[in-house]
């Protein structure tokens, strides 16, 4: 992503703008990890956050109108709007629409690969694969027929990406426009896959919104699994068939998710945790727990409840 801040302002006609100077925008940032020459948005006021923003230059900042008197007005572009999150989505959608056709594909053995992707010569790619722009694939990895690897994905060494999976596609994220209609939030964060990882057939691993979705070393993901945007799966964990991990969840190391597990948005699963078949996890889980049921609870608690229920039935 490379676009001048003045070009954005001219094209999108923002009404309430404070401009100190022009610069090139090279990406996007989250508020927890701000980078120069990026776009950020602030939806909720926070003194500490505003203080942090006030130390930066070379940012294109979308924020609410009522924050005007809180800003130091450094060398940034400040755009005051009613809904910064929606305006961010609209802005990124505009930038993507300008860049969608900027990359070219080459055909290789029945697969299509973006020229600007970096693939080690030892990688084996079966026919029918699509590899998008800015993809990196390490040595010894195998990409099997029908796999789709979208832009901004990094895959490590000795991985297996199986048939018809999709890695790096858009996550399921929306905001409301000013008429209350759903508007898709573009996902630019990509995916980072470590070394010795396997991703099963017909599995989806969605791009992060701004920061990447991450599968650490030795993670094994079965067939028909859904890994949503911004998820982090810790080293050596196993995700079995038909499990669903919702957005922004953090899964620890050496975790076992049994078939048909469902995990709600934004929770954390500790290290060395086992989640039983069909469990619905609605709150964070500490290290070394065994969780069962819907909603999921520790195994020992489930056993106690079973004994009580049996007594009541008698």
Protein backbone atom coordinates (compact mmCIF):
# COMPACT_ATOMS: atom_id res chain seq x y z
CA UNK A 1 0.00 0.00 0.00
CA UNK A 2 1.50 3.31 -1.15
CA UNK A 3 -0.69 6.36 -1.64
CA UNK A 4 -0.28 10.08 -0.91
CA UNK A 5 -2.44 11.49 1.88
CA UNK A 6 -3.39 14.39 -0.42
CA UNK A 7 -4.80 11.94 -2.98
CA UNK A 8 -7.09 10.40 -0.37
CA UNK A 9 -8.34 13.80 0.75
CA UNK A 10 -9.06 14.86 -2.82
CA UNK A 11 -10.92 11.67 -3.73
CA UNK A 12 -13.02 11.17 -0.58
CA UNK A 13 -13.95 14.81 0.11
CA UNK A 14 -13.78 14.78 3.89
CA UNK A 15 -15.40 17.92 5.28
CA UNK A 16 -13.61 18.36 8.61
CA UNK A 17 -9.86 17.97 8.14
CA UNK A 18 -6.77 19.42 9.78
CA UNK A 19 -3.63 19.03 7.63
CA UNK A 20 -0.13 19.83 8.82
CA UNK A 21 1.66 18.41 5.76
CA UNK A 22 1.48 15.70 3.14
CA UNK A 23 3.19 12.29 3.26
CA UNK A 24 3.03 8.84 1.74
CA UNK A 25 0.78 6.28 3.42
CA UNK A 26 2.34 2.82 3.47
CA UNK A 27 -0.07 0.75 5.52
CA UNK A 28 -2.38 0.60 8.53
CA UNK A 29 -1.78 0.36 12.28
CA UNK A 30 -3.57 -0.74 15.40
CA UNK A 31 -3.61 1.58 18.39
CA UNK A 32 -1.59 -0.95 20.39
CA UNK A 33 1.21 -0.96 17.80
CA UNK A 34 1.36 2.34 15.93
CA UNK A 35 3.75 2.68 12.97
CA UNK A 36 4.67 5.82 11.05
CA UNK A 37 3.16 6.47 7.61
CA UNK A 38 0.01 4.51 8.41
CA UNK A 39 -3.73 4.97 8.86
CA UNK A 40 -5.23 4.63 12.35
CA UNK A 41 -8.68 5.25 13.76
CA UNK A 42 -9.88 6.10 17.27
CA UNK A 43 -13.42 5.10 18.14
CA UNK A 44 -13.43 5.65 21.91
CA UNK A 45 -11.73 8.42 23.82
CA UNK A 46 -8.96 7.48 26.24
CA UNK A 47 -6.49 9.96 27.80
CA UNK A 48 -3.58 7.54 27.60
CA UNK A 49 -4.36 6.74 23.98
CA UNK A 50 -4.59 10.40 22.94
CA UNK A 51 -1.29 11.09 24.74
CA UNK A 52 0.27 8.29 22.73
CA UNK A 53 -1.13 9.61 19.43
CA UNK A 54 0.20 13.06 20.29
CA UNK A 55 3.79 11.74 20.26
CA UNK A 56 3.61 10.50 16.65
CA UNK A 57 4.10 12.11 13.27
CA UNK A 58 3.27 10.89 9.74
CA UNK A 59 -0.12 9.41 10.62
CA UNK A 60 -3.46 9.65 8.85
CA UNK A 61 -5.82 9.70 11.84
CA UNK A 62 -9.60 9.21 11.77
CA UNK A 63 -11.24 10.28 15.02
CA UNK A 64 -14.47 11.67 16.42
CA UNK A 65 -15.34 15.34 16.15
CA UNK A 66 -15.50 15.84 19.92
CA UNK A 67 -11.77 15.06 20.28
CA UNK A 68 -10.62 18.25 18.56
CA UNK A 69 -9.52 20.02 21.74
CA UNK A 70 -7.56 16.96 22.93
CA UNK A 71 -5.10 16.89 20.04
CA UNK A 72 -1.63 18.49 19.86
CA UNK A 73 -1.77 18.68 16.04
CA UNK A 74 1.68 17.33 15.21
CA UNK A 75 2.78 16.59 11.65
CA UNK A 76 -0.18 14.35 10.83
CA UNK A 77 -3.44 14.46 8.92
CA UNK A 78 -6.46 14.60 11.25
CA UNK A 79 -9.88 13.73 9.85
CA UNK A 80 -12.85 14.29 12.19
CA UNK A 81 -15.87 12.09 11.47
CA UNK A 82 -18.96 10.69 13.21
CA UNK A 83 -17.95 7.01 12.93
CA UNK A 84 -14.16 6.48 12.62
CA UNK A 85 -14.42 2.70 12.29
CA UNK A 86 -16.83 2.91 9.37
CA UNK A 87 -14.79 5.68 7.72
CA UNK A 88 -11.66 3.55 8.14
CA UNK A 89 -13.41 0.63 6.40
CA UNK A 90 -14.57 2.89 3.58
CA UNK A 91 -11.11 4.40 3.18
CA UNK A 92 -9.32 1.03 3.05
CA UNK A 93 -11.91 -0.27 0.61
CA UNK A 94 -11.14 2.69 -1.64
CA UNK A 95 -7.38 2.06 -1.48
CA UNK A 96 -7.78 -1.66 -2.17
CA UNK A 97 -9.99 -0.96 -5.18
CA UNK A 98 -7.12 1.06 -6.69
CA UNK A 99 -4.57 -1.68 -6.05
CA UNK A 100 -6.54 -4.83 -6.88
CA UNK A 101 -5.14 -5.11 -10.39
CA UNK A 102 -1.62 -3.90 -9.62
CA UNK A 103 -0.10 -7.40 -9.55
CA UNK A 104 0.35 -9.91 -12.36
CA UNK A 105 0.10 -13.69 -12.31
CA UNK A 106 2.29 -16.30 -13.95
CA UNK A 107 1.09 -19.76 -14.90
CA UNK A 108 3.16 -22.70 -13.66
CA UNK A 109 2.13 -26.35 -14.04
CA UNK A 110 -1.55 -25.49 -13.95
CA UNK A 111 -1.28 -23.10 -11.01
CA UNK A 112 -1.36 -19.29 -10.93
CA UNK A 113 1.21 -17.42 -8.87
CA UNK A 114 1.74 -13.68 -8.36
CA UNK A 115 5.10 -12.50 -9.68
CA UNK A 116 5.95 -10.64 -6.49
CA UNK A 117 5.55 -13.69 -4.24
CA UNK A 118 8.73 -15.31 -2.94
CA UNK A 119 8.66 -19.10 -3.07
CA UNK A 120 11.64 -21.30 -2.25
CA UNK A 121 12.65 -23.51 -5.22
CA UNK A 122 12.14 -26.64 -3.11
CA UNK A 123 8.41 -25.92 -2.57
CA UNK A 124 6.13 -28.45 -4.29
CA UNK A 125 3.01 -26.91 -5.82
CA UNK A 126 0.35 -29.17 -7.31
CA UNK A 127 -1.85 -28.09 -10.25
CA UNK A 128 -4.87 -25.92 -9.51
CA UNK A 129 -3.25 -23.77 -6.81
CA UNK A 130 -3.65 -19.97 -6.56
CA UNK A 131 -0.96 -17.91 -4.80
CA UNK A 132 -1.62 -14.19 -4.49
CA UNK A 133 0.67 -11.17 -4.07
CA UNK A 134 3.22 -10.65 -1.29
CA UNK A 135 3.24 -14.33 -0.29
CA UNK A 136 6.36 -15.97 1.13
CA UNK A 137 6.73 -19.77 1.30
CA UNK A 138 9.70 -21.50 2.95
CA UNK A 139 11.68 -24.50 1.82
CA UNK A 140 10.28 -28.01 1.85
CA UNK A 141 6.63 -26.91 2.01
CA UNK A 142 3.93 -28.66 -0.05
CA UNK A 143 0.90 -26.84 -1.47
CA UNK A 144 -1.72 -29.36 -2.63
CA UNK A 145 -4.22 -29.07 -5.45
CA UNK A 146 -6.95 -26.45 -5.15
CA UNK A 147 -5.40 -24.52 -2.26
CA UNK A 148 -5.95 -20.74 -2.40
CA UNK A 149 -3.35 -18.58 -0.69
CA UNK A 150 -4.39 -14.94 -0.80
CA UNK A 151 -2.21 -11.85 -0.39
CA UNK A 152 0.10 -11.04 2.53
CA UNK A 153 0.56 -14.63 3.73
CA UNK A 154 3.82 -15.99 5.10
CA UNK A 155 4.23 -19.78 5.28
CA UNK A 156 7.28 -21.31 6.94
CA UNK A 157 9.36 -24.38 6.19
CA UNK A 158 8.22 -28.01 5.86
CA UNK A 159 4.52 -27.20 6.00
CA UNK A 160 1.67 -29.04 4.28
CA UNK A 161 -1.21 -26.94 2.92
CA UNK A 162 -3.87 -29.40 1.84
CA UNK A 163 -6.50 -29.54 -0.87
CA UNK A 164 -8.99 -26.71 -1.35
CA UNK A 165 -8.19 -24.79 1.80
CA UNK A 166 -8.26 -20.97 1.77
CA UNK A 167 -5.59 -19.05 3.63
CA UNK A 168 -5.66 -15.27 3.96
CA UNK A 169 -9.17 -14.58 2.67
CA UNK A 170 -11.28 -11.83 4.25
CA UNK A 171 -12.56 -12.44 7.75
CA UNK A 172 -16.21 -11.85 8.63
CA UNK A 173 -16.14 -8.27 9.88
CA UNK A 174 -18.68 -5.48 9.27
CA UNK A 175 -19.69 -2.06 10.51
CA UNK A 176 -22.85 -0.03 9.88
CA UNK A 177 -22.90 2.86 7.46
CA UNK A 178 -24.87 6.03 8.24
CA UNK A 179 -28.07 4.40 6.98
CA UNK A 180 -27.59 1.35 9.19
CA UNK A 181 -26.55 -0.93 6.31
CA UNK A 182 -23.80 -3.48 6.77
CA UNK A 183 -20.45 -2.45 5.26
CA UNK A 184 -17.55 -4.90 5.04
CA UNK A 185 -14.33 -4.04 6.90
CA UNK A 186 -11.36 -4.94 4.67
CA UNK A 187 -8.81 -7.28 6.22
CA UNK A 188 -5.18 -6.45 5.42
CA UNK A 189 -3.27 -8.18 8.22
CA UNK A 190 -2.60 -11.41 6.36
CA UNK A 191 -1.61 -14.71 7.94
CA UNK A 192 1.68 -15.94 9.40
CA UNK A 193 2.19 -19.72 9.50
CA UNK A 194 5.24 -21.10 11.28
CA UNK A 195 7.40 -24.10 10.47
CA UNK A 196 6.17 -27.72 10.34
CA UNK A 197 2.51 -26.66 10.29
CA UNK A 198 -0.25 -28.61 8.55
CA UNK A 199 -3.52 -27.07 7.37
CA UNK A 200 -6.26 -29.53 6.42
CA UNK A 201 -8.46 -29.81 3.37
CA UNK A 202 -11.38 -27.38 2.98
CA UNK A 203 -10.14 -25.38 5.97
CA UNK A 204 -10.22 -21.57 6.18
CA UNK A 205 -7.64 -19.43 7.93
CA UNK A 206 -8.80 -15.81 7.62
CA UNK A 207 -6.61 -12.76 7.26
CA UNK A 208 -6.17 -10.56 10.29
CA UNK A 209 -7.91 -7.20 10.16
CA UNK A 210 -4.75 -5.14 10.72
CA UNK A 211 -2.37 -7.48 12.57
CA UNK A 212 -1.92 -11.03 11.21
CA UNK A 213 -3.67 -14.24 12.14
CA UNK A 214 -0.92 -16.54 13.45
CA UNK A 215 -0.37 -20.32 13.51
CA UNK A 216 2.85 -21.03 15.39
CA UNK A 217 5.35 -23.86 14.77
CA UNK A 218 4.09 -27.48 14.74
CA UNK A 219 0.40 -26.53 14.81
CA UNK A 220 -1.73 -29.21 13.13
CA UNK A 221 -5.14 -28.22 11.76
CA UNK A 222 -7.55 -30.92 10.55
CA UNK A 223 -10.05 -30.79 7.66
CA UNK A 224 -13.16 -28.52 7.68
CA UNK A 225 -11.82 -26.18 10.39
CA UNK A 226 -12.56 -22.42 10.51
CA UNK A 227 -9.94 -20.09 12.01
CA UNK A 228 -11.28 -16.52 12.06
CA UNK A 229 -9.42 -13.22 11.79
CA UNK A 230 -6.85 -12.13 14.41
CA UNK A 231 -6.66 -15.59 16.01
CA UNK A 232 -3.34 -16.78 17.45
CA UNK A 233 -2.79 -20.55 17.83
CA UNK A 234 0.16 -21.47 20.02
CA UNK A 235 2.97 -23.88 19.24
CA UNK A 236 2.27 -27.63 18.93
CA UNK A 237 -1.51 -27.33 19.29
CA UNK A 238 -3.92 -29.66 17.48
CA UNK A 239 -7.22 -28.44 16.03
CA UNK A 240 -9.40 -31.36 14.92
CA UNK A 241 -12.15 -31.61 12.30
CA UNK A 242 -15.00 -29.09 12.20
CA UNK A 243 -13.70 -26.95 15.08
CA UNK A 244 -14.59 -23.24 14.87
CA UNK A 245 -12.41 -20.55 16.43
CA UNK A 246 -14.02 -17.11 16.38
CA UNK A 247 -12.19 -13.82 15.88
CA UNK A 248 -9.40 -12.51 18.12
CA UNK A 249 -9.10 -15.67 20.24
CA UNK A 250 -5.72 -16.66 21.63
CA UNK A 251 -5.06 -20.40 21.87
CA UNK A 252 -2.11 -21.46 24.01
CA UNK A 253 0.61 -24.05 23.43
CA UNK A 254 -0.07 -27.81 23.38
CA UNK A 255 -3.84 -27.33 23.22
CA UNK A 256 -6.16 -30.05 21.89
CA UNK A 257 -9.49 -28.96 20.40
CA UNK A 258 -11.74 -31.96 19.79
CA UNK A 259 -14.14 -32.22 16.80
CA UNK A 260 -16.96 -29.66 16.59
CA UNK A 261 -15.56 -27.40 19.28
CA UNK A 262 -16.86 -23.80 19.14
CA UNK A 263 -15.00 -20.90 20.74
CA UNK A 264 -16.61 -17.49 21.17
CA UNK A 265 -14.94 -14.21 20.09
CA UNK A 266 -12.01 -12.74 21.93
CA UNK A 267 -11.31 -15.27 24.67
CA UNK A 268 -8.04 -16.87 25.72
CA UNK A 269 -7.33 -20.59 26.08
CA UNK A 270 -4.29 -21.35 28.25
CA UNK A 271 -1.46 -23.82 27.65
CA UNK A 272 -1.91 -27.60 27.84
CA UNK A 273 -5.71 -27.40 27.67
CA UNK A 274 -7.98 -30.12 26.31
CA UNK A 275 -11.42 -29.16 24.98
CA UNK A 276 -13.87 -32.08 24.63
CA UNK A 277 -15.97 -33.00 21.61
CA UNK A 278 -18.76 -30.56 20.81
CA UNK A 279 -17.82 -28.17 23.63
CA UNK A 280 -18.97 -24.55 23.40
CA UNK A 281 -16.36 -22.36 25.06
CA UNK A 282 -17.85 -19.03 26.18
CA UNK A 283 -15.19 -17.78 28.62
CA UNK A 284 -11.43 -17.89 28.97
CA UNK A 285 -9.75 -21.08 30.20
CA UNK A 286 -6.73 -21.36 32.51
CA UNK A 287 -3.69 -23.53 31.85
CA UNK A 288 -3.92 -27.33 32.20
CA UNK A 289 -7.73 -27.54 32.22
CA UNK A 290 -9.95 -30.19 30.63
CA UNK A 291 -13.20 -28.60 29.44
CA UNK A 292 -16.41 -30.35 28.38
CA UNK A 293 -20.03 -29.53 27.62
CA UNK A 294 -22.11 -26.66 26.28
CA UNK A 295 -21.40 -24.22 27.74
CA UNK A 296 -17.99 -25.72 28.50
CA UNK A 297 -16.96 -26.27 32.12
CA UNK A 298 -14.04 -28.05 33.81
CA UNK A 299 -14.34 -31.82 33.70
CA UNK A 300 -14.37 -32.16 37.49
CA UNK A 301 -17.29 -29.74 37.76
CA UNK A 302 -19.16 -31.68 35.09
CA UNK A 303 -18.61 -34.92 37.00
CA UNK A 304 -19.96 -33.37 40.21
CA UNK A 305 -23.06 -32.13 38.41
CA UNK A 306 -23.60 -35.56 36.88
CA UNK A 307 -23.53 -37.20 40.32
CA UNK A 308 -25.98 -34.65 41.72
CA UNK A 309 -28.32 -35.17 38.77
CA UNK A 310 -28.18 -38.94 39.18
CA UNK A 311 -29.09 -38.62 42.87
CA UNK A 312 -32.03 -36.36 42.03
CA UNK A 313 -33.33 -38.81 39.43
CA UNK A 314 -33.20 -41.69 41.93
